[in-house]
Each structure stands twice: as structure tokens, then as C-alpha cells.
Amino acid sequence: QVIRQPSGASNGNTFDRNGDMVTCEHMNRRVSRTYADGRVETLVDNFEGKRLHSPNDIVLAKNGDLYFTDPPYGLRQPNGTFAAGDMPFNGVYRIAASDGSMSLVVDDFERPNGLVLTDDGQHILIDDTDRHHVRIFDLSADGTVSNGRVFADVTHGNVVGRPDGMKLDSQGNLYVTANTANGVWVYAPDGTLLGFIGVPEGPA
């Protein structure tokens, strides 16, 4: 059933620790919360007074913190170019559960997109669509990240993927939709490409 219409060109969704839906809205350039009774409120729509580009994907940490990516895809114009954003970078951000404050986690991605947290809460993986790779970072107890390195280069032979949505399974295998005819790319916990899950279309 329809739970929100219009949705603000919603993309990534998750649930917060209270069970309410949290959504990345491209058109409204915000992260919102939708309550069970249908009320919608803005969680964040700017960073240090500058408007977000177009929040894309979001995940919940065990402590209630929320991490989301903010590429410029929602700023795309009819001619394919991107409107200028308020910030000179495409960031990854954290919304702290303790006080709702927002902090910049990483700012050196070209197009940050999908992201996942490992079950032990010690690492975060974030893909960069334009650089066709997935990076992994150590995640500290205070929510900051460090030691960023490439986990997987999303290429296979002559096929260059554009990684988008990602999920981890219970054994730590990473599933990446990369906008290719191969289907879903599957990586082992050490970053080795295991193979593909074929689907009728190139998944994103």
C-alpha cells in the first residue's frame, strides 16, 4: 500500500531505533522521518547552514546513529548537467542519536552512494559510483571513521560497474548493484569477487 505520496523523490530508506521510517529525499534535499500516523518531519536539510545536495542512501548504527550519503544526482538538469550545490564536495554524514547533531564523516568521494555497516559495528563500507569502487573504513565508538582503503574495484574484464545500492549478508558477503547486465555483484568478506546473481535488468 502507498504510505507516502508525494514522496519527495525518495531514494534510500531505513528505520530508526524507534521503528519510524527515515528517508533520503532527492527533490526536497533532506532526510526526513515518517511516523506511523503519517506525520513527516525534517531531520536534516543543511550542513553548517549550507543546503544538502540530494541525500541518497542511509543506514542505522546499533547505537542509533544514522549515516547517509549526499551525491548531486537530484540536482541533475534536463540536459544532463548538474546544478551547482551549496557545498564544494559530495559528503557522507552522521546524525548522532544522542543529540541529533550532524557531522561530516568523509568529504573526498566523487559520487558517494550506497553504504553498509558491518554487524560488529567496527567498519563502514561506502561505494563511489564514478570511481567504480567500494571503500571500507574503520568506525570508532565516537562515530568517526579512519583508515579508508579500497575494499573492491567493481570491474570484471572489460565491464566497469557503477556501484549503487549495497547490502551485507549474515556471513559478511557484500552484494552490490552496479548498473550492469551481469546482475548483482557478490564479494567475499576479503573483497574477492565471488560471482554474479543474474536478473532480467541491470540493477541499481
N, C-alpha and C. Protein backbone atom coordinates (compact mmCIF):
# COMPACT_ATOMS: atom_id res chain seq x y z
N GLN A 1 0.84 -1.19 0.00
CA GLN A 1 0.00 0.00 0.00
C GLN A 1 0.87 1.24 0.00
N VAL A 2 0.34 2.32 -0.50
CA VAL A 2 1.08 3.57 -0.54
C VAL A 2 1.13 4.17 0.86
N ILE A 3 2.32 4.50 1.32
CA ILE A 3 2.44 5.10 2.65
C ILE A 3 2.81 6.56 2.59
N ARG A 4 3.36 7.02 1.44
CA ARG A 4 3.64 8.45 1.27
C ARG A 4 3.48 8.83 -0.18
N GLN A 5 2.69 9.85 -0.41
CA GLN A 5 2.54 10.38 -1.77
C GLN A 5 2.10 11.84 -1.69
N PRO A 6 2.91 12.76 -2.24
CA PRO A 6 4.20 12.53 -2.91
C PRO A 6 5.29 12.20 -1.89
N SER A 7 6.39 11.64 -2.40
CA SER A 7 7.45 11.18 -1.51
C SER A 7 8.68 12.07 -1.53
N GLY A 8 8.65 13.15 -2.34
CA GLY A 8 9.83 14.00 -2.43
C GLY A 8 10.95 13.34 -3.20
N ALA A 9 10.56 12.46 -4.16
CA ALA A 9 11.55 11.69 -4.93
C ALA A 9 12.46 10.91 -3.98
N SER A 10 11.83 10.14 -3.12
CA SER A 10 12.57 9.39 -2.11
C SER A 10 13.46 8.33 -2.74
N ASN A 11 14.58 8.07 -2.10
CA ASN A 11 15.51 7.05 -2.58
C ASN A 11 15.76 6.06 -1.45
N GLY A 12 16.84 6.21 -0.68
CA GLY A 12 17.13 5.27 0.39
C GLY A 12 16.21 5.43 1.58
N ASN A 13 15.89 4.31 2.21
CA ASN A 13 15.06 4.29 3.42
C ASN A 13 15.67 3.35 4.45
N THR A 14 15.42 3.62 5.71
CA THR A 14 15.72 2.67 6.77
C THR A 14 14.76 2.99 7.92
N PHE A 15 14.90 2.28 9.02
CA PHE A 15 14.12 2.57 10.22
C PHE A 15 15.05 3.06 11.32
N ASP A 16 14.59 4.03 12.09
CA ASP A 16 15.39 4.46 13.24
C ASP A 16 15.15 3.48 14.39
N ARG A 17 15.80 3.73 15.51
CA ARG A 17 15.70 2.76 16.60
C ARG A 17 14.33 2.75 17.27
N ASN A 18 13.48 3.73 16.94
CA ASN A 18 12.11 3.72 17.44
C ASN A 18 11.14 3.05 16.47
N GLY A 19 11.67 2.61 15.33
CA GLY A 19 10.83 1.93 14.35
C GLY A 19 10.16 2.86 13.36
N ASP A 20 10.52 4.14 13.36
CA ASP A 20 9.96 5.08 12.39
C ASP A 20 10.83 5.12 11.14
N MET A 21 10.20 5.33 9.98
CA MET A 21 10.91 5.30 8.73
C MET A 21 11.69 6.59 8.50
N VAL A 22 12.94 6.43 8.11
CA VAL A 22 13.81 7.56 7.80
C VAL A 22 14.14 7.48 6.32
N THR A 23 14.02 8.61 5.64
CA THR A 23 14.07 8.62 4.17
C THR A 23 14.99 9.70 3.63
N CYS A 24 15.73 9.35 2.58
CA CYS A 24 16.53 10.31 1.83
C CYS A 24 15.67 10.83 0.67
N GLU A 25 15.41 12.12 0.65
CA GLU A 25 14.54 12.71 -0.37
C GLU A 25 15.36 13.56 -1.33
N HIS A 26 15.44 13.11 -2.59
CA HIS A 26 16.18 13.86 -3.60
C HIS A 26 15.58 15.24 -3.85
N MET A 27 14.29 15.27 -4.14
CA MET A 27 13.65 16.51 -4.55
C MET A 27 13.65 17.55 -3.44
N ASN A 28 13.37 17.12 -2.23
CA ASN A 28 13.30 18.05 -1.11
C ASN A 28 14.66 18.27 -0.45
N ARG A 29 15.67 17.54 -0.92
CA ARG A 29 17.05 17.74 -0.47
C ARG A 29 17.15 17.66 1.06
N ARG A 30 16.57 16.60 1.59
CA ARG A 30 16.57 16.45 3.04
C ARG A 30 16.52 14.98 3.44
N VAL A 31 16.78 14.73 4.71
CA VAL A 31 16.49 13.45 5.34
C VAL A 31 15.28 13.67 6.24
N SER A 32 14.26 12.85 6.05
CA SER A 32 13.02 13.03 6.80
C SER A 32 12.69 11.80 7.63
N ARG A 33 11.76 12.00 8.58
CA ARG A 33 11.25 10.89 9.39
C ARG A 33 9.73 10.83 9.19
N THR A 34 9.22 9.64 8.90
CA THR A 34 7.78 9.44 8.74
C THR A 34 7.29 8.59 9.91
N TYR A 35 6.33 9.11 10.65
CA TYR A 35 5.77 8.40 11.79
C TYR A 35 4.63 7.48 11.37
N ALA A 36 4.26 6.60 12.26
CA ALA A 36 3.20 5.62 11.95
C ALA A 36 1.88 6.29 11.62
N ASP A 37 1.63 7.48 12.17
CA ASP A 37 0.37 8.17 11.90
C ASP A 37 0.43 9.01 10.61
N GLY A 38 1.57 8.94 9.90
CA GLY A 38 1.70 9.66 8.63
C GLY A 38 2.39 11.00 8.72
N ARG A 39 2.63 11.49 9.93
CA ARG A 39 3.34 12.77 10.07
C ARG A 39 4.75 12.65 9.52
N VAL A 40 5.20 13.70 8.84
CA VAL A 40 6.55 13.73 8.27
C VAL A 40 7.27 14.95 8.81
N GLU A 41 8.49 14.76 9.27
CA GLU A 41 9.28 15.88 9.75
C GLU A 41 10.68 15.83 9.14
N THR A 42 11.31 16.98 9.04
CA THR A 42 12.67 17.06 8.53
C THR A 42 13.65 16.75 9.65
N LEU A 43 14.54 15.79 9.40
CA LEU A 43 15.62 15.54 10.34
C LEU A 43 16.77 16.51 10.08
N VAL A 44 17.27 16.52 8.84
CA VAL A 44 18.33 17.46 8.44
C VAL A 44 18.12 17.86 6.99
N ASP A 45 18.43 19.11 6.66
CA ASP A 45 18.39 19.55 5.26
C ASP A 45 19.55 20.48 4.93
N ASN A 46 20.46 20.67 5.91
CA ASN A 46 21.62 21.52 5.65
C ASN A 46 22.77 21.08 6.54
N PHE A 47 23.95 21.51 6.17
CA PHE A 47 25.13 21.28 7.00
C PHE A 47 25.85 22.61 7.16
N GLU A 48 25.95 23.06 8.38
CA GLU A 48 26.57 24.35 8.71
C GLU A 48 25.98 25.48 7.87
N GLY A 49 24.65 25.44 7.73
CA GLY A 49 23.94 26.50 7.04
C GLY A 49 23.89 26.37 5.54
N LYS A 50 24.53 25.35 4.98
CA LYS A 50 24.51 25.14 3.53
C LYS A 50 23.64 23.95 3.19
N ARG A 51 22.79 24.13 2.20
CA ARG A 51 21.79 23.13 1.87
C ARG A 51 22.42 21.84 1.33
N LEU A 52 21.86 20.71 1.73
CA LEU A 52 22.33 19.43 1.22
C LEU A 52 22.08 19.34 -0.28
N HIS A 53 22.84 18.48 -0.95
CA HIS A 53 22.65 18.28 -2.39
C HIS A 53 21.39 17.47 -2.66
N SER A 54 21.45 16.18 -2.38
CA SER A 54 20.29 15.28 -2.56
C SER A 54 20.59 13.97 -1.86
N PRO A 55 20.26 13.87 -0.57
CA PRO A 55 20.54 12.65 0.19
C PRO A 55 20.07 11.40 -0.56
N ASN A 56 20.90 10.35 -0.50
CA ASN A 56 20.71 9.21 -1.39
C ASN A 56 20.42 7.91 -0.67
N ASP A 57 21.30 7.51 0.23
CA ASP A 57 21.12 6.23 0.92
C ASP A 57 21.48 6.43 2.39
N ILE A 58 20.90 5.57 3.26
CA ILE A 58 21.03 5.79 4.70
C ILE A 58 21.01 4.47 5.44
N VAL A 59 21.80 4.38 6.52
CA VAL A 59 21.84 3.17 7.34
C VAL A 59 21.82 3.56 8.81
N LEU A 60 21.37 2.61 9.64
CA LEU A 60 21.26 2.81 11.08
C LEU A 60 22.34 2.02 11.80
N ALA A 61 23.10 2.69 12.68
CA ALA A 61 24.09 2.00 13.51
C ALA A 61 23.40 1.47 14.77
N LYS A 62 24.06 0.53 15.41
CA LYS A 62 23.46 -0.10 16.59
C LYS A 62 23.19 0.89 17.71
N ASN A 63 23.99 1.96 17.78
CA ASN A 63 23.78 2.95 18.84
C ASN A 63 22.73 3.98 18.48
N GLY A 64 22.10 3.83 17.32
CA GLY A 64 21.06 4.75 16.90
C GLY A 64 21.51 5.85 15.97
N ASP A 65 22.82 6.00 15.77
CA ASP A 65 23.32 6.99 14.81
C ASP A 65 22.88 6.61 13.40
N LEU A 66 22.70 7.62 12.57
CA LEU A 66 22.33 7.41 11.17
C LEU A 66 23.45 7.96 10.28
N TYR A 67 23.83 7.19 9.27
CA TYR A 67 24.84 7.62 8.30
C TYR A 67 24.18 7.70 6.93
N PHE A 68 24.46 8.78 6.20
CA PHE A 68 23.86 8.89 4.87
C PHE A 68 24.82 9.55 3.89
N THR A 69 24.60 9.25 2.61
CA THR A 69 25.41 9.83 1.54
C THR A 69 24.65 10.96 0.87
N ASP A 70 25.40 11.90 0.29
CA ASP A 70 24.78 13.09 -0.30
C ASP A 70 25.42 13.45 -1.64
N PRO A 71 25.21 12.62 -2.67
CA PRO A 71 25.71 12.94 -4.01
C PRO A 71 24.81 13.98 -4.67
N PRO A 72 25.15 14.45 -5.88
CA PRO A 72 24.36 15.51 -6.52
C PRO A 72 23.29 15.02 -7.49
N TYR A 73 22.96 13.72 -7.47
CA TYR A 73 22.08 13.20 -8.52
C TYR A 73 20.73 13.91 -8.61
N GLY A 74 20.22 14.36 -7.49
CA GLY A 74 18.95 15.08 -7.51
C GLY A 74 19.05 16.47 -8.11
N LEU A 75 20.28 16.93 -8.35
CA LEU A 75 20.50 18.25 -8.95
C LEU A 75 20.67 18.17 -10.47
N ARG A 76 20.48 16.96 -11.02
CA ARG A 76 20.66 16.79 -12.46
C ARG A 76 19.61 17.58 -13.24
N GLN A 77 20.05 18.30 -14.25
CA GLN A 77 19.18 19.12 -15.10
C GLN A 77 18.74 18.33 -16.33
N PRO A 78 17.71 18.79 -17.04
CA PRO A 78 17.23 18.06 -18.23
C PRO A 78 18.31 17.79 -19.28
N ASN A 79 19.31 18.65 -19.35
CA ASN A 79 20.37 18.46 -20.35
C ASN A 79 21.49 17.55 -19.85
N GLY A 80 21.33 16.98 -18.65
CA GLY A 80 22.31 16.05 -18.12
C GLY A 80 23.36 16.66 -17.22
N THR A 81 23.45 17.98 -17.20
CA THR A 81 24.41 18.64 -16.31
C THR A 81 23.83 18.72 -14.90
N PHE A 82 24.68 19.11 -13.95
CA PHE A 82 24.24 19.22 -12.57
C PHE A 82 24.22 20.68 -12.15
N ALA A 83 23.16 21.07 -11.49
CA ALA A 83 23.10 22.42 -10.93
C ALA A 83 24.13 22.54 -9.82
N ALA A 84 24.61 23.72 -9.60
CA ALA A 84 25.62 23.94 -8.57
C ALA A 84 25.00 23.75 -7.18
N GLY A 85 25.68 23.01 -6.35
CA GLY A 85 25.23 22.85 -4.98
C GLY A 85 25.85 23.90 -4.08
N ASP A 86 25.41 23.92 -2.84
CA ASP A 86 25.92 24.91 -1.89
C ASP A 86 27.31 24.55 -1.38
N MET A 87 27.65 23.26 -1.45
CA MET A 87 28.94 22.81 -0.91
C MET A 87 29.84 22.32 -2.03
N PRO A 88 31.15 22.49 -1.89
CA PRO A 88 32.08 22.11 -2.95
C PRO A 88 32.45 20.64 -2.96
N PHE A 89 31.79 19.83 -2.12
CA PHE A 89 32.10 18.40 -2.05
C PHE A 89 30.80 17.62 -1.92
N ASN A 90 30.89 16.32 -2.18
CA ASN A 90 29.77 15.40 -2.01
C ASN A 90 30.06 14.54 -0.79
N GLY A 91 29.38 14.80 0.30
CA GLY A 91 29.77 14.24 1.57
C GLY A 91 29.02 13.01 2.03
N VAL A 92 29.58 12.41 3.07
CA VAL A 92 28.93 11.36 3.85
C VAL A 92 28.79 11.92 5.26
N TYR A 93 27.60 11.79 5.84
CA TYR A 93 27.31 12.46 7.11
C TYR A 93 26.79 11.48 8.16
N ARG A 94 26.87 11.93 9.42
CA ARG A 94 26.32 11.18 10.55
C ARG A 94 25.36 12.06 11.32
N ILE A 95 24.20 11.52 11.65
CA ILE A 95 23.25 12.18 12.55
C ILE A 95 23.34 11.45 13.88
N ALA A 96 23.80 12.12 14.91
CA ALA A 96 24.03 11.49 16.21
C ALA A 96 22.71 11.23 16.92
N ALA A 97 22.57 10.02 17.44
CA ALA A 97 21.35 9.67 18.18
C ALA A 97 21.26 10.41 19.50
N SER A 98 22.40 10.76 20.06
CA SER A 98 22.42 11.37 21.39
C SER A 98 21.77 12.74 21.42
N ASP A 99 22.04 13.55 20.38
CA ASP A 99 21.51 14.92 20.41
C ASP A 99 21.00 15.42 19.06
N GLY A 100 21.00 14.54 18.05
CA GLY A 100 20.51 14.95 16.73
C GLY A 100 21.48 15.81 15.94
N SER A 101 22.68 16.00 16.46
CA SER A 101 23.65 16.83 15.75
C SER A 101 24.16 16.10 14.50
N MET A 102 24.63 16.89 13.55
CA MET A 102 25.08 16.34 12.29
C MET A 102 26.56 16.65 12.11
N SER A 103 27.30 15.66 11.61
CA SER A 103 28.73 15.86 11.39
C SER A 103 29.12 15.27 10.04
N LEU A 104 30.15 15.85 9.45
CA LEU A 104 30.70 15.36 8.19
C LEU A 104 31.65 14.21 8.50
N VAL A 105 31.43 13.07 7.85
CA VAL A 105 32.24 11.89 8.10
C VAL A 105 33.38 11.78 7.08
N VAL A 106 33.05 11.92 5.79
CA VAL A 106 34.02 11.84 4.71
C VAL A 106 33.64 12.86 3.65
N ASP A 107 34.64 13.50 3.03
CA ASP A 107 34.33 14.52 2.02
C ASP A 107 35.11 14.34 0.72
N ASP A 108 35.81 13.20 0.55
CA ASP A 108 36.65 13.05 -0.64
C ASP A 108 36.12 12.04 -1.65
N PHE A 109 34.82 11.79 -1.64
CA PHE A 109 34.20 10.92 -2.64
C PHE A 109 33.79 11.75 -3.85
N GLU A 110 33.83 11.12 -5.02
CA GLU A 110 33.31 11.76 -6.22
C GLU A 110 31.79 11.68 -6.23
N ARG A 111 31.26 10.47 -6.06
CA ARG A 111 29.81 10.25 -6.02
C ARG A 111 29.50 9.20 -4.95
N PRO A 112 29.46 9.58 -3.68
CA PRO A 112 29.11 8.61 -2.63
C PRO A 112 27.67 8.14 -2.82
N ASN A 113 27.46 6.86 -2.66
CA ASN A 113 26.13 6.32 -2.98
C ASN A 113 25.69 5.32 -1.91
N GLY A 114 25.80 4.02 -2.19
CA GLY A 114 25.35 3.03 -1.22
C GLY A 114 26.32 2.90 -0.05
N LEU A 115 25.80 2.50 1.11
CA LEU A 115 26.65 2.29 2.27
C LEU A 115 26.06 1.23 3.17
N VAL A 116 26.93 0.51 3.87
CA VAL A 116 26.51 -0.56 4.78
C VAL A 116 27.44 -0.56 5.99
N LEU A 117 26.93 -1.06 7.10
CA LEU A 117 27.71 -1.22 8.32
C LEU A 117 27.88 -2.70 8.60
N THR A 118 29.07 -3.10 9.03
CA THR A 118 29.28 -4.50 9.38
C THR A 118 28.55 -4.81 10.69
N ASP A 119 28.23 -6.10 10.88
CA ASP A 119 27.44 -6.50 12.05
C ASP A 119 28.13 -6.17 13.36
N ASP A 120 29.47 -6.20 13.35
CA ASP A 120 30.18 -5.91 14.60
C ASP A 120 30.29 -4.41 14.87
N GLY A 121 29.80 -3.59 13.93
CA GLY A 121 29.82 -2.15 14.12
C GLY A 121 31.18 -1.51 14.02
N GLN A 122 32.17 -2.25 13.55
CA GLN A 122 33.53 -1.74 13.53
C GLN A 122 33.96 -1.17 12.18
N HIS A 123 33.14 -1.39 11.14
CA HIS A 123 33.51 -0.91 9.81
C HIS A 123 32.28 -0.39 9.07
N ILE A 124 32.53 0.56 8.20
CA ILE A 124 31.50 1.05 7.29
C ILE A 124 32.06 0.96 5.88
N LEU A 125 31.24 0.46 4.96
CA LEU A 125 31.62 0.37 3.55
C LEU A 125 30.77 1.36 2.76
N ILE A 126 31.40 2.11 1.89
CA ILE A 126 30.72 3.14 1.10
C ILE A 126 31.21 3.01 -0.34
N ASP A 127 30.29 3.00 -1.29
CA ASP A 127 30.76 2.92 -2.68
C ASP A 127 30.78 4.30 -3.34
N ASP A 128 31.63 4.40 -4.34
CA ASP A 128 31.80 5.63 -5.12
C ASP A 128 31.44 5.28 -6.56
N THR A 129 30.29 5.73 -7.00
CA THR A 129 29.77 5.32 -8.30
C THR A 129 30.71 5.69 -9.44
N ASP A 130 31.20 6.90 -9.47
CA ASP A 130 32.03 7.35 -10.58
C ASP A 130 33.42 6.74 -10.56
N ARG A 131 33.92 6.40 -9.38
CA ARG A 131 35.26 5.79 -9.30
C ARG A 131 35.18 4.27 -9.32
N HIS A 132 33.98 3.73 -9.51
CA HIS A 132 33.66 2.30 -9.60
C HIS A 132 34.38 1.44 -8.56
N HIS A 133 34.37 1.91 -7.31
CA HIS A 133 34.93 1.08 -6.25
C HIS A 133 34.13 1.22 -4.96
N VAL A 134 34.42 0.29 -4.04
CA VAL A 134 33.85 0.31 -2.70
C VAL A 134 35.00 0.51 -1.73
N ARG A 135 34.85 1.45 -0.82
CA ARG A 135 35.87 1.69 0.19
C ARG A 135 35.37 1.24 1.56
N ILE A 136 36.29 0.81 2.38
CA ILE A 136 35.96 0.39 3.75
C ILE A 136 36.74 1.27 4.72
N PHE A 137 36.09 1.62 5.82
CA PHE A 137 36.69 2.47 6.85
C PHE A 137 36.54 1.81 8.21
N ASP A 138 37.49 2.07 9.08
CA ASP A 138 37.34 1.68 10.49
C ASP A 138 36.38 2.67 11.14
N LEU A 139 35.46 2.17 11.92
CA LEU A 139 34.46 3.00 12.57
C LEU A 139 34.71 3.01 14.07
N SER A 140 34.94 4.20 14.62
CA SER A 140 35.25 4.34 16.04
C SER A 140 33.98 4.45 16.88
N ALA A 141 34.14 4.26 18.17
CA ALA A 141 32.99 4.35 19.08
C ALA A 141 32.37 5.73 19.08
N ASP A 142 33.15 6.77 18.76
CA ASP A 142 32.61 8.13 18.74
C ASP A 142 31.96 8.48 17.41
N GLY A 143 31.89 7.50 16.49
CA GLY A 143 31.21 7.72 15.21
C GLY A 143 32.09 8.21 14.09
N THR A 144 33.36 8.49 14.37
CA THR A 144 34.26 8.95 13.33
C THR A 144 34.85 7.75 12.58
N VAL A 145 35.37 8.02 11.38
CA VAL A 145 35.95 6.96 10.57
C VAL A 145 37.43 7.26 10.31
N SER A 146 38.17 6.20 9.99
CA SER A 146 39.61 6.35 9.72
C SER A 146 40.06 5.19 8.84
N ASN A 147 41.31 5.29 8.37
CA ASN A 147 41.95 4.20 7.63
C ASN A 147 41.14 3.76 6.42
N GLY A 148 40.68 4.71 5.63
CA GLY A 148 39.93 4.38 4.43
C GLY A 148 40.80 3.70 3.39
N ARG A 149 40.28 2.62 2.81
CA ARG A 149 41.02 1.91 1.76
C ARG A 149 40.01 1.25 0.83
N VAL A 150 40.47 0.92 -0.38
CA VAL A 150 39.58 0.30 -1.36
C VAL A 150 39.33 -1.15 -0.97
N PHE A 151 38.07 -1.50 -0.81
CA PHE A 151 37.67 -2.88 -0.50
C PHE A 151 37.51 -3.69 -1.77
N ALA A 152 36.92 -3.09 -2.80
CA ALA A 152 36.69 -3.79 -4.06
C ALA A 152 36.65 -2.81 -5.21
N ASP A 153 37.34 -3.16 -6.29
CA ASP A 153 37.25 -2.42 -7.54
C ASP A 153 36.18 -3.11 -8.37
N VAL A 154 35.08 -2.42 -8.63
CA VAL A 154 33.93 -3.05 -9.27
C VAL A 154 34.14 -3.08 -10.79
N THR A 155 35.07 -3.92 -11.19
CA THR A 155 35.34 -4.18 -12.61
C THR A 155 35.54 -5.68 -12.79
N HIS A 156 35.20 -6.15 -13.98
CA HIS A 156 35.38 -7.57 -14.31
C HIS A 156 35.62 -7.67 -15.81
N GLY A 157 36.87 -7.96 -16.17
CA GLY A 157 37.22 -7.95 -17.59
C GLY A 157 37.06 -6.55 -18.15
N ASN A 158 36.26 -6.44 -19.20
CA ASN A 158 36.02 -5.14 -19.81
C ASN A 158 34.81 -4.43 -19.22
N VAL A 159 34.15 -5.05 -18.25
CA VAL A 159 32.95 -4.47 -17.65
C VAL A 159 33.35 -3.58 -16.47
N VAL A 160 32.95 -2.34 -16.55
CA VAL A 160 33.21 -1.39 -15.46
C VAL A 160 31.87 -1.05 -14.81
N GLY A 161 31.70 -1.43 -13.56
CA GLY A 161 30.45 -1.20 -12.87
C GLY A 161 30.33 0.21 -12.31
N ARG A 162 29.09 0.62 -12.09
CA ARG A 162 28.80 1.88 -11.42
C ARG A 162 28.03 1.53 -10.14
N PRO A 163 28.77 1.20 -9.07
CA PRO A 163 28.13 0.68 -7.87
C PRO A 163 27.12 1.64 -7.27
N ASP A 164 26.03 1.07 -6.79
CA ASP A 164 24.92 1.85 -6.27
C ASP A 164 24.50 1.26 -4.92
N GLY A 165 23.37 0.59 -4.86
CA GLY A 165 22.91 0.03 -3.59
C GLY A 165 23.73 -1.18 -3.17
N MET A 166 23.89 -1.35 -1.86
CA MET A 166 24.67 -2.47 -1.32
C MET A 166 24.00 -3.04 -0.07
N LYS A 167 24.25 -4.33 0.15
CA LYS A 167 23.83 -4.98 1.40
C LYS A 167 24.85 -6.04 1.77
N LEU A 168 24.94 -6.34 3.06
CA LEU A 168 25.75 -7.42 3.58
C LEU A 168 24.85 -8.56 4.04
N ASP A 169 25.30 -9.81 3.86
CA ASP A 169 24.53 -10.92 4.41
C ASP A 169 25.11 -11.30 5.77
N SER A 170 24.54 -12.33 6.39
CA SER A 170 24.94 -12.70 7.76
C SER A 170 26.35 -13.26 7.83
N GLN A 171 26.93 -13.64 6.69
CA GLN A 171 28.29 -14.17 6.67
C GLN A 171 29.32 -13.13 6.23
N GLY A 172 28.86 -11.90 6.02
CA GLY A 172 29.78 -10.84 5.67
C GLY A 172 30.04 -10.68 4.19
N ASN A 173 29.31 -11.41 3.34
CA ASN A 173 29.43 -11.23 1.90
C ASN A 173 28.72 -9.95 1.48
N LEU A 174 29.29 -9.24 0.54
CA LEU A 174 28.75 -7.95 0.11
C LEU A 174 28.07 -8.10 -1.25
N TYR A 175 26.86 -7.59 -1.35
CA TYR A 175 26.08 -7.63 -2.59
C TYR A 175 25.97 -6.21 -3.14
N VAL A 176 26.41 -6.02 -4.38
CA VAL A 176 26.49 -4.69 -4.97
C VAL A 176 25.68 -4.65 -6.25
N THR A 177 24.76 -3.70 -6.35
CA THR A 177 24.11 -3.44 -7.64
C THR A 177 24.94 -2.38 -8.34
N ALA A 178 25.37 -2.70 -9.59
CA ALA A 178 26.37 -1.85 -10.24
C ALA A 178 25.95 -1.41 -11.64
N ASN A 179 24.64 -1.45 -11.93
CA ASN A 179 24.13 -0.94 -13.20
C ASN A 179 24.74 -1.67 -14.40
N THR A 180 24.95 -2.99 -14.28
CA THR A 180 25.49 -3.77 -15.39
C THR A 180 24.59 -4.97 -15.67
N ALA A 181 24.76 -5.53 -16.85
CA ALA A 181 23.96 -6.69 -17.26
C ALA A 181 24.35 -7.95 -16.50
N ASN A 182 25.47 -7.93 -15.80
CA ASN A 182 25.90 -9.10 -15.02
C ASN A 182 24.92 -9.42 -13.91
N GLY A 183 24.20 -8.42 -13.43
CA GLY A 183 23.30 -8.61 -12.31
C GLY A 183 23.90 -8.05 -11.03
N VAL A 184 23.68 -8.76 -9.92
CA VAL A 184 24.20 -8.32 -8.63
C VAL A 184 25.60 -8.90 -8.43
N TRP A 185 26.56 -8.05 -8.14
CA TRP A 185 27.94 -8.47 -7.90
C TRP A 185 28.07 -8.93 -6.46
N VAL A 186 28.72 -10.08 -6.23
CA VAL A 186 28.84 -10.64 -4.89
C VAL A 186 30.32 -10.76 -4.52
N TYR A 187 30.67 -10.16 -3.38
CA TYR A 187 32.06 -10.15 -2.91
C TYR A 187 32.17 -10.87 -1.57
N ALA A 188 33.27 -11.60 -1.39
CA ALA A 188 33.57 -12.26 -0.12
C ALA A 188 34.00 -11.21 0.90
N PRO A 189 34.04 -11.56 2.18
CA PRO A 189 34.45 -10.60 3.21
C PRO A 189 35.83 -10.01 3.02
N ASP A 190 36.69 -10.67 2.22
CA ASP A 190 38.02 -10.12 1.97
C ASP A 190 38.09 -9.31 0.68
N GLY A 191 36.93 -9.10 0.03
CA GLY A 191 36.89 -8.29 -1.18
C GLY A 191 37.04 -9.07 -2.46
N THR A 192 37.16 -10.39 -2.39
CA THR A 192 37.26 -11.22 -3.60
C THR A 192 35.92 -11.30 -4.29
N LEU A 193 35.90 -11.11 -5.61
CA LEU A 193 34.66 -11.24 -6.37
C LEU A 193 34.29 -12.72 -6.46
N LEU A 194 33.14 -13.09 -5.90
CA LEU A 194 32.68 -14.47 -5.93
C LEU A 194 31.91 -14.79 -7.20
N GLY A 195 31.18 -13.80 -7.73
CA GLY A 195 30.38 -14.05 -8.92
C GLY A 195 29.20 -13.09 -8.99
N PHE A 196 28.19 -13.51 -9.74
CA PHE A 196 27.06 -12.63 -10.02
C PHE A 196 25.74 -13.37 -9.83
N ILE A 197 24.71 -12.62 -9.46
CA ILE A 197 23.36 -13.14 -9.42
C ILE A 197 22.62 -12.50 -10.59
N GLY A 198 22.28 -13.29 -11.58
CA GLY A 198 21.64 -12.77 -12.77
C GLY A 198 20.22 -12.31 -12.53
N VAL A 199 19.86 -11.17 -13.07
CA VAL A 199 18.50 -10.64 -13.00
C VAL A 199 18.13 -10.11 -14.38
N PRO A 200 16.86 -9.91 -14.68
CA PRO A 200 16.45 -9.51 -16.04
C PRO A 200 16.98 -8.17 -16.50
N GLU A 201 17.25 -7.24 -15.57
CA GLU A 201 17.73 -5.92 -15.95
C GLU A 201 18.99 -5.59 -15.18
N GLY A 202 19.71 -4.55 -15.64
CA GLY A 202 20.87 -4.09 -14.89
C GLY A 202 20.41 -3.39 -13.63
N PRO A 203 20.62 -3.99 -12.45
CA PRO A 203 20.05 -3.42 -11.22
C PRO A 203 20.84 -2.23 -10.69
N ALA A 204 20.13 -1.31 -10.06
CA ALA A 204 20.73 -0.14 -9.42
C ALA A 204 20.26 -0.04 -7.98
